[in-house]
Amino acid sequence: MRRIAQNLSDSLTTANVARVATPAGLASEPAATSESVVQVYGARCSGWLGYFGVHTWIAVKPRGATTHTVYEVMSSRFRRTGTALAIRQRVPHARWFGHTPELLAEKRGVGVDALIERIDQAAREYPYAREYTVWPGPNSNTFTAYVARAVPELEVDLPPTAIGKDYLGRRLLAAAPSGSGFQVSLFGLLGVLVSGVEGLEINVLGLTFGIDALSPALKLPLVGRLGAARPENSAAPPGISTDLPYAVVR
């Protein structure tokens, strides 16, 4: 079954930069803001997989930096190099194969540089960098959830379409991806999550069903979140970047 899922991942090709370069207007121009910034994004996958799930990534800009650094896990990189982890300088809000990204979490200003250091450390310690399976994981959402647990100050509420976020490997119990509350998961296929950030979620075969009581909403497979929008999804910041992706760092 894992071999079939791995074959399906071949449809997630990220080599065609022209298809993902157009920015969506969610990140500040680096030269226009000196403060440090962390942002977490998600966008629908390419091809038919986009009906089921999203790809997520983390972008950082230390204080005074002139570029954004993006941390993400990609199947195409895994096939080319044997490691799925990519740390590169690129426009963080670029459309993902034509799909507009959603801002899932954001932290700015005082104290964020310390968070950026911890994000970098957690990303480089990601235990599944040399593995990639679209379903049930480990995949790009497994990576984002792993880093988010290591830096709970981000308070990331990954959408129900982030298939793989509940994959814990051989572990059964862990903190929720937001760092608040806990989750029990059997290889990302069956589990439950209770958190003050995510609310209540039930995972069945990698599909998430849930309720967010604080920002009233239903969480459903395929559809995503239905209800009140998160505070992070408000107006875009000033000084929007229109640059193309930067060079790969790792």
Protein backbone atom coordinates (compact mmCIF):
# COMPACT_ATOMS: atom_id res chain seq x y z
CA MET A 1 0.00 0.00 0.00
CA ARG A 2 2.86 2.36 0.81
CA ARG A 3 4.41 1.56 -2.59
CA ILE A 4 1.16 2.52 -4.33
CA ALA A 5 1.03 5.75 -2.35
CA GLN A 6 4.64 6.49 -3.28
CA ASN A 7 3.81 6.02 -6.96
CA LEU A 8 0.97 8.48 -6.58
CA SER A 9 3.42 11.05 -5.26
CA ASP A 10 5.07 11.20 -8.69
CA SER A 11 2.25 13.51 -9.77
CA LEU A 12 3.54 16.14 -7.32
CA THR A 13 6.22 17.69 -9.56
CA THR A 14 7.80 20.95 -8.43
CA ALA A 15 10.49 21.41 -11.06
CA ASN A 16 8.46 23.76 -13.26
CA VAL A 17 9.21 27.07 -11.51
CA ALA A 18 7.16 29.10 -13.97
CA ARG A 19 3.98 27.47 -12.73
CA VAL A 20 4.55 28.40 -9.09
CA ALA A 21 6.36 31.74 -9.28
CA THR A 22 3.44 34.17 -9.34
CA PRO A 23 3.12 35.66 -5.84
CA ALA A 24 -0.25 35.80 -4.10
CA GLY A 25 0.28 39.00 -2.12
CA LEU A 26 0.58 37.64 1.42
CA ALA A 27 4.19 38.46 2.34
CA SER A 28 5.92 41.80 2.80
CA GLU A 29 8.74 42.86 0.54
CA PRO A 30 11.87 41.95 2.57
CA ALA A 31 13.56 45.27 1.83
CA ALA A 32 10.45 47.15 2.99
CA THR A 33 10.36 45.75 6.53
CA SER A 34 13.22 45.33 8.97
CA GLU A 35 11.33 43.28 11.57
CA SER A 36 11.68 39.52 11.81
CA VAL A 37 8.83 37.45 10.38
CA VAL A 38 7.66 33.83 10.47
CA GLN A 39 4.79 32.67 8.26
CA VAL A 40 3.21 29.26 7.69
CA TYR A 41 1.46 28.64 4.37
CA GLY A 42 -0.67 25.98 2.73
CA ALA A 43 -1.91 25.55 -0.83
CA ARG A 44 -3.73 22.84 -2.74
CA CYS A 45 -1.52 20.17 -4.28
CA SER A 46 -1.01 19.88 -8.02
CA GLY A 47 -3.21 17.77 -10.26
CA TRP A 48 -6.03 15.59 -8.97
CA LEU A 49 -4.37 15.33 -5.56
CA GLY A 50 -5.44 18.93 -5.04
CA TYR A 51 -9.00 17.73 -4.53
CA PHE A 52 -7.86 15.84 -1.44
CA GLY A 53 -5.05 17.75 0.19
CA VAL A 54 -2.69 20.67 0.56
CA HIS A 55 1.06 21.23 0.60
CA THR A 56 2.37 23.30 3.52
CA TRP A 57 5.62 25.18 4.15
CA ILE A 58 7.28 27.57 6.62
CA ALA A 59 8.88 30.89 5.65
CA VAL A 60 11.17 33.01 7.82
CA LYS A 61 12.87 36.40 7.52
CA PRO A 62 15.27 37.34 10.33
CA ARG A 63 15.48 40.96 11.40
CA GLY A 64 17.27 42.99 8.74
CA ALA A 65 17.38 40.14 6.20
CA THR A 66 16.73 40.99 2.55
CA THR A 67 15.33 37.60 1.50
CA HIS A 68 12.91 34.99 2.83
CA THR A 69 14.05 31.46 3.61
CA VAL A 70 11.50 28.70 3.03
CA TYR A 71 11.54 25.31 4.74
CA GLU A 72 9.54 22.55 3.08
CA VAL A 73 9.50 18.88 2.13
CA MET A 74 8.95 17.91 -1.52
CA SER A 75 8.55 14.56 -3.26
CA SER A 76 10.37 15.80 -6.37
CA ARG A 77 13.44 16.69 -4.33
CA PHE A 78 13.33 13.30 -2.64
CA ARG A 79 13.35 11.54 -6.00
CA ARG A 80 16.24 13.65 -7.30
CA THR A 81 18.51 13.75 -4.25
CA GLY A 82 17.35 11.15 -1.73
CA THR A 83 16.32 13.81 0.77
CA ALA A 84 12.92 15.49 0.74
CA LEU A 85 13.97 18.48 2.86
CA ALA A 86 14.50 21.74 0.98
CA ILE A 87 15.83 24.89 2.65
CA ARG A 88 15.90 27.63 0.05
CA GLN A 89 15.49 31.32 -0.51
CA ARG A 90 12.32 31.97 -2.49
CA VAL A 91 9.17 34.07 -2.49
CA PRO A 92 7.17 32.52 0.37
CA HIS A 93 3.71 33.37 -0.99
CA ALA A 94 4.23 32.06 -4.52
CA ARG A 95 1.25 30.22 -5.94
CA TRP A 96 1.70 26.47 -5.78
CA PHE A 97 1.04 25.13 -9.29
CA GLY A 98 -1.50 27.88 -9.84
CA HIS A 99 -3.17 27.48 -6.44
CA THR A 100 -3.29 30.52 -4.18
CA PRO A 101 -1.70 29.85 -0.78
CA GLU A 102 -3.43 30.46 2.52
CA LEU A 103 -1.67 32.11 5.44
CA LEU A 104 -2.06 29.66 8.33
CA ALA A 105 0.01 31.40 11.02
CA GLU A 106 2.21 34.46 11.41
CA LYS A 107 4.55 35.92 14.04
CA ARG A 108 6.35 39.26 13.71
CA GLY A 109 8.65 41.52 15.68
CA VAL A 110 10.25 41.14 19.10
CA GLY A 111 11.33 37.60 20.01
CA VAL A 112 10.73 36.14 16.55
CA ASP A 113 14.43 35.80 15.74
CA ALA A 114 14.69 33.28 18.58
CA LEU A 115 11.78 31.34 17.06
CA ILE A 116 13.53 31.37 13.68
CA GLU A 117 16.62 29.76 15.21
CA ARG A 118 14.49 27.01 16.72
CA ILE A 119 12.65 26.49 13.44
CA ASP A 120 15.94 26.05 11.62
CA GLN A 121 17.19 23.56 14.20
CA ALA A 122 13.95 21.54 14.17
CA ALA A 123 13.88 21.46 10.37
CA ARG A 124 17.43 20.12 10.19
CA GLU A 125 16.57 17.48 12.79
CA TYR A 126 13.43 16.30 10.96
CA PRO A 127 13.61 12.49 11.27
CA TYR A 128 11.87 11.62 7.99
CA ALA A 129 13.94 13.68 5.58
CA ARG A 130 14.91 10.54 3.66
CA GLU A 131 11.34 9.25 3.42
CA TYR A 132 8.32 10.50 1.50
CA THR A 133 4.86 8.97 1.13
CA VAL A 134 1.84 11.02 0.07
CA TRP A 135 -0.56 8.95 2.19
CA PRO A 136 -0.61 8.60 5.14
CA GLY A 137 2.83 10.18 5.49
CA PRO A 138 5.51 11.22 6.10
CA ASN A 139 5.07 14.08 3.66
CA SER A 140 5.20 17.89 3.55
CA ASN A 141 2.48 18.24 6.18
CA THR A 142 4.23 15.77 8.48
CA PHE A 143 7.25 18.07 8.30
CA THR A 144 5.32 21.26 9.04
CA ALA A 145 3.55 19.61 11.96
CA TYR A 146 6.88 18.34 13.33
CA VAL A 147 8.43 21.81 13.27
CA ALA A 148 5.26 23.38 14.69
CA ARG A 149 5.35 20.99 17.66
CA ALA A 150 8.97 22.00 18.31
CA VAL A 151 8.00 25.69 18.23
CA PRO A 152 4.54 25.79 19.87
CA GLU A 153 4.60 29.60 20.01
CA LEU A 154 3.56 29.51 16.33
CA GLU A 155 0.14 28.11 17.35
CA VAL A 156 -0.35 26.60 13.90
CA ASP A 157 -3.80 25.22 13.14
CA LEU A 158 -3.12 23.03 10.12
CA PRO A 159 -6.23 22.53 7.96
CA PRO A 160 -8.06 19.19 7.81
CA THR A 161 -6.83 18.86 4.22
CA ALA A 162 -3.21 18.72 5.45
CA ILE A 163 -3.08 14.94 5.09
CA GLY A 164 -0.01 13.59 6.87
CA LYS A 165 -0.02 16.13 9.71
CA ASP A 166 -1.09 13.38 12.13
CA TYR A 167 1.62 10.92 11.10
CA LEU A 168 3.77 10.17 14.17
CA GLY A 169 5.78 7.23 12.88
CA ARG A 170 5.97 4.54 15.56
CA ARG A 171 4.77 6.91 18.27
CA LEU A 172 1.18 6.78 19.45
CA LEU A 173 1.03 9.95 21.57
CA ALA A 174 2.32 13.47 20.90
CA ALA A 175 1.45 17.11 21.34
CA ALA A 176 -0.98 18.45 18.77
CA PRO A 177 0.75 20.21 15.83
CA SER A 178 -0.11 23.57 17.44
CA GLY A 179 1.76 22.53 20.58
CA SER A 180 -1.46 22.92 22.57
CA GLY A 181 -3.27 19.81 23.76
CA PHE A 182 -2.45 16.29 22.55
CA GLN A 183 -3.16 13.72 19.91
CA VAL A 184 -3.21 9.94 19.66
CA SER A 185 -2.50 8.54 16.21
CA LEU A 186 -1.90 5.10 14.72
CA PHE A 187 0.47 5.67 11.79
CA GLY A 188 -1.60 8.68 10.73
CA LEU A 189 -4.52 6.41 9.82
CA LEU A 190 -6.66 6.50 12.95
CA GLY A 191 -6.61 8.90 15.86
CA VAL A 192 -8.03 11.77 17.85
CA LEU A 193 -6.76 15.27 18.62
CA VAL A 194 -7.89 17.64 21.37
CA SER A 195 -6.44 21.15 21.58
CA GLY A 196 -7.31 24.70 22.51
CA VAL A 197 -6.06 25.79 19.08
CA GLU A 198 -7.26 23.05 16.73
CA GLY A 199 -10.35 22.09 18.70
CA LEU A 200 -11.52 18.47 18.41
CA GLU A 201 -10.42 16.39 15.43
CA ILE A 202 -10.98 12.74 14.54
CA ASN A 203 -8.72 11.10 11.97
CA VAL A 204 -10.08 8.17 9.95
CA LEU A 205 -7.78 6.72 7.26
CA GLY A 206 -5.92 10.02 7.12
CA LEU A 207 -9.09 12.08 6.66
CA THR A 208 -9.89 14.68 9.32
CA PHE A 209 -13.30 15.50 10.76
CA GLY A 210 -13.44 18.17 13.45
CA ILE A 211 -14.98 21.11 15.25
CA ASP A 212 -13.32 24.39 16.23
CA ALA A 213 -15.39 25.93 19.03
CA LEU A 214 -13.26 29.06 19.63
CA SER A 215 -13.47 30.30 16.03
CA PRO A 216 -16.66 28.40 15.21
CA ALA A 217 -16.09 26.14 12.24
CA LEU A 218 -16.45 22.61 10.94
CA LYS A 219 -13.41 20.77 9.62
CA LEU A 220 -14.10 18.34 6.80
CA PRO A 221 -12.08 16.22 4.36
CA LEU A 222 -11.81 17.56 0.80
CA VAL A 223 -13.70 20.74 1.71
CA GLY A 224 -11.44 22.02 4.48
CA ARG A 225 -12.61 24.55 7.05
CA LEU A 226 -16.21 25.82 6.99
CA GLY A 227 -16.98 28.73 9.30
CA ALA A 228 -15.19 31.66 10.89
CA ALA A 229 -11.88 32.61 9.32
CA ARG A 230 -8.70 32.54 11.35
CA PRO A 231 -7.28 35.92 12.45
CA GLU A 232 -4.11 35.23 10.41
CA ASN A 233 -6.14 35.21 7.19
CA SER A 234 -6.92 38.93 7.24
CA ALA A 235 -5.52 41.64 4.98
CA ALA A 236 -2.13 41.19 3.38
CA PRO A 237 0.75 43.25 4.79
CA PRO A 238 2.06 46.33 2.96
CA GLY A 239 5.02 46.28 0.61
CA ILE A 240 4.03 43.20 -1.40
CA SER A 241 6.84 41.32 -3.11
CA THR A 242 6.66 40.43 -6.80
CA ASP A 243 10.07 38.77 -7.07
CA LEU A 244 10.56 35.31 -8.56
CA PRO A 245 11.86 32.42 -6.40
CA TYR A 246 15.43 32.70 -5.14
CA ALA A 247 18.18 30.12 -5.29
CA VAL A 248 18.16 26.82 -3.42
CA VAL A 249 20.19 26.86 -0.19
CA ARG A 250 19.98 23.16 0.54
